Amino acid sequence: ASFEIEGAADRTLIYLTNHILQCLWRLDAKAKTPDDAKKIMFDFAHEQFPMPGESNWQFGGHIPKPKTKSEGDECRAYLKQIREETGTRVAQWLFATGQKDKHIAMFAKRRFLGMTGSGAAGRRGSAMPN
């Protein structure tokens, strides 16, 4: 199934859905406690990550690259902020009872747009439907 990207909100949802998948994959593989999960998500949010227009950007041209350096800096800051907040919330959600929720963790094994959470970019096959 595919859907038509109608604007920036759709692009943000696509990015966040993939990011949530990557968060769940990392947490499922490494986190044993809520404190582990918080640290893993903090570190993940602060890792270098690809930007639109870079060769390792996993969404191709579906999310346009910034037109200026200033716009690129603003985009990177925005993505970093939503990565931090999303990671924090995913960790809280996964460990809401103090133990890892196996029903939530199972989503780490799911694919999104042909991608999995494993690997540096989590890319398998084409990044986005045409």
Protein backbone atom coordinates (compact mmCIF):
# COMPACT_ATOMS: atom_id res chain seq x y z
CA ALA A 1 0.00 0.00 0.00
CA SER A 2 1.11 3.53 -0.57
CA PHE A 3 -0.21 6.94 0.15
CA GLU A 4 0.19 10.25 -1.52
CA ILE A 5 2.41 12.73 0.28
CA GLU A 6 0.44 15.94 0.44
CA GLY A 7 2.66 18.15 2.55
CA ALA A 8 5.22 18.65 5.29
CA ALA A 9 3.05 16.97 7.93
CA ASP A 10 2.96 13.74 5.89
CA ARG A 11 6.74 13.87 5.47
CA THR A 12 7.17 14.36 9.22
CA LEU A 13 4.89 11.39 9.95
CA ILE A 14 6.86 9.18 7.57
CA TYR A 15 10.15 10.22 9.17
CA LEU A 16 8.83 9.71 12.71
CA THR A 17 7.26 6.34 11.93
CA ASN A 18 10.61 5.11 10.62
CA HIS A 19 12.41 6.65 13.61
CA ILE A 20 10.03 4.90 16.03
CA LEU A 21 10.79 1.59 14.29
CA GLN A 22 14.53 2.24 14.72
CA CYS A 23 14.01 3.16 18.40
CA LEU A 24 12.07 -0.04 19.05
CA TRP A 25 14.72 -2.11 17.29
CA ARG A 26 17.51 -0.63 19.42
CA LEU A 27 15.53 -0.94 22.64
CA ASP A 28 14.49 -4.51 21.90
CA ALA A 29 18.09 -5.47 21.17
CA LYS A 30 19.80 -3.65 24.06
CA ALA A 31 17.51 -2.33 26.81
CA LYS A 32 16.85 -4.47 29.85
CA THR A 33 15.60 -1.76 32.23
CA PRO A 34 13.85 1.62 31.95
CA ASP A 35 17.18 3.34 32.80
CA ASP A 36 18.93 1.44 29.99
CA ALA A 37 16.17 2.55 27.62
CA LYS A 38 16.54 6.23 28.57
CA LYS A 39 20.30 6.16 28.02
CA ILE A 40 20.05 4.27 24.72
CA MET A 41 17.46 6.72 23.39
CA PHE A 42 19.48 9.76 24.54
CA ASP A 43 22.59 8.42 22.79
CA PHE A 44 20.60 7.54 19.66
CA ALA A 45 19.04 11.02 19.43
CA HIS A 46 22.51 12.60 19.60
CA GLU A 47 24.18 10.38 16.99
CA GLN A 48 25.00 11.86 13.62
CA PHE A 49 22.06 11.22 11.32
CA PRO A 50 21.62 11.72 7.58
CA MET A 51 19.88 14.79 6.23
CA PRO A 52 17.81 15.21 3.07
CA GLY A 53 20.12 15.47 0.07
CA GLU A 54 22.95 13.42 1.62
CA SER A 55 23.89 10.14 -0.05
CA ASN A 56 22.76 8.00 2.90
CA TRP A 57 19.37 9.74 3.28
CA GLN A 58 16.92 6.85 3.21
CA PHE A 59 13.89 8.66 1.77
CA GLY A 60 15.39 9.75 -1.56
CA GLY A 61 13.80 12.86 -3.03
CA HIS A 62 10.48 12.39 -1.23
CA ILE A 63 11.68 14.73 1.48
CA PRO A 64 13.42 17.64 -0.25
CA LYS A 65 16.87 18.80 0.75
CA PRO A 66 17.27 22.22 2.40
CA LYS A 67 17.82 25.08 -0.04
CA THR A 68 20.29 27.05 2.12
CA LYS A 69 22.80 26.30 4.88
CA SER A 70 20.59 28.19 7.32
CA GLU A 71 17.59 26.09 6.34
CA GLY A 72 19.73 22.96 6.70
CA ASP A 73 20.83 23.97 10.20
CA GLU A 74 17.23 24.66 11.17
CA CYS A 75 16.13 21.31 9.71
CA ARG A 76 18.87 19.44 11.60
CA ALA A 77 17.92 21.15 14.87
CA TYR A 78 14.25 20.31 14.31
CA LEU A 79 14.98 16.66 13.48
CA LYS A 80 17.26 16.37 16.51
CA GLN A 81 14.55 17.79 18.76
CA ILE A 82 11.85 15.44 17.48
CA ARG A 83 14.26 12.49 17.67
CA GLU A 84 14.97 13.30 21.34
CA GLU A 85 11.32 13.67 22.27
CA THR A 86 10.20 10.63 20.29
CA GLY A 87 12.92 8.43 21.76
CA THR A 88 12.01 9.49 25.30
CA ARG A 89 8.35 8.71 24.72
CA VAL A 90 9.04 5.36 23.02
CA ALA A 91 11.23 4.30 25.98
CA GLN A 92 8.51 5.33 28.45
CA TRP A 93 5.86 3.51 26.41
CA LEU A 94 7.92 0.30 26.11
CA PHE A 95 8.69 0.22 29.84
CA ALA A 96 5.40 1.70 31.15
CA THR A 97 5.03 -1.11 33.71
CA GLY A 98 8.72 -1.18 34.67
CA GLN A 99 9.26 -4.28 32.50
CA LYS A 100 9.69 -4.43 28.74
CA ASP A 101 6.28 -4.88 27.13
CA LYS A 102 6.63 -7.84 24.76
CA HIS A 103 3.55 -6.78 22.78
CA ILE A 104 5.08 -3.38 21.99
CA ALA A 105 8.57 -4.83 21.45
CA MET A 106 7.21 -7.13 18.72
CA PHE A 107 6.82 -4.06 16.47
CA ALA A 108 10.63 -3.91 16.28
CA LYS A 109 10.42 -6.87 13.92
CA ARG A 110 7.98 -5.16 11.53
CA ARG A 111 8.87 -3.43 8.27
CA PHE A 112 7.91 0.09 7.26
CA LEU A 113 8.13 1.11 3.60
CA GLY A 114 10.38 -1.86 2.93
CA MET A 115 12.76 -0.87 5.75
CA THR A 116 13.55 -2.53 9.04
CA GLY A 117 14.99 -0.97 12.15
CA SER A 118 18.24 -2.93 11.84
CA GLY A 119 21.42 -1.51 10.38
CA ALA A 120 22.76 2.03 10.25
CA ALA A 121 20.02 3.39 8.04
CA GLY A 122 17.57 0.55 8.54
CA ARG A 123 17.17 0.36 4.78
CA ARG A 124 15.94 -2.65 2.88
CA GLY A 125 14.79 -2.34 -0.69
CA SER A 126 13.30 0.88 -1.93
CA ALA A 127 12.83 3.62 0.62
CA MET A 128 9.53 5.04 -0.53
CA PRO A 129 6.74 3.90 -2.80
CA ASN A 130 6.34 5.70 -6.11
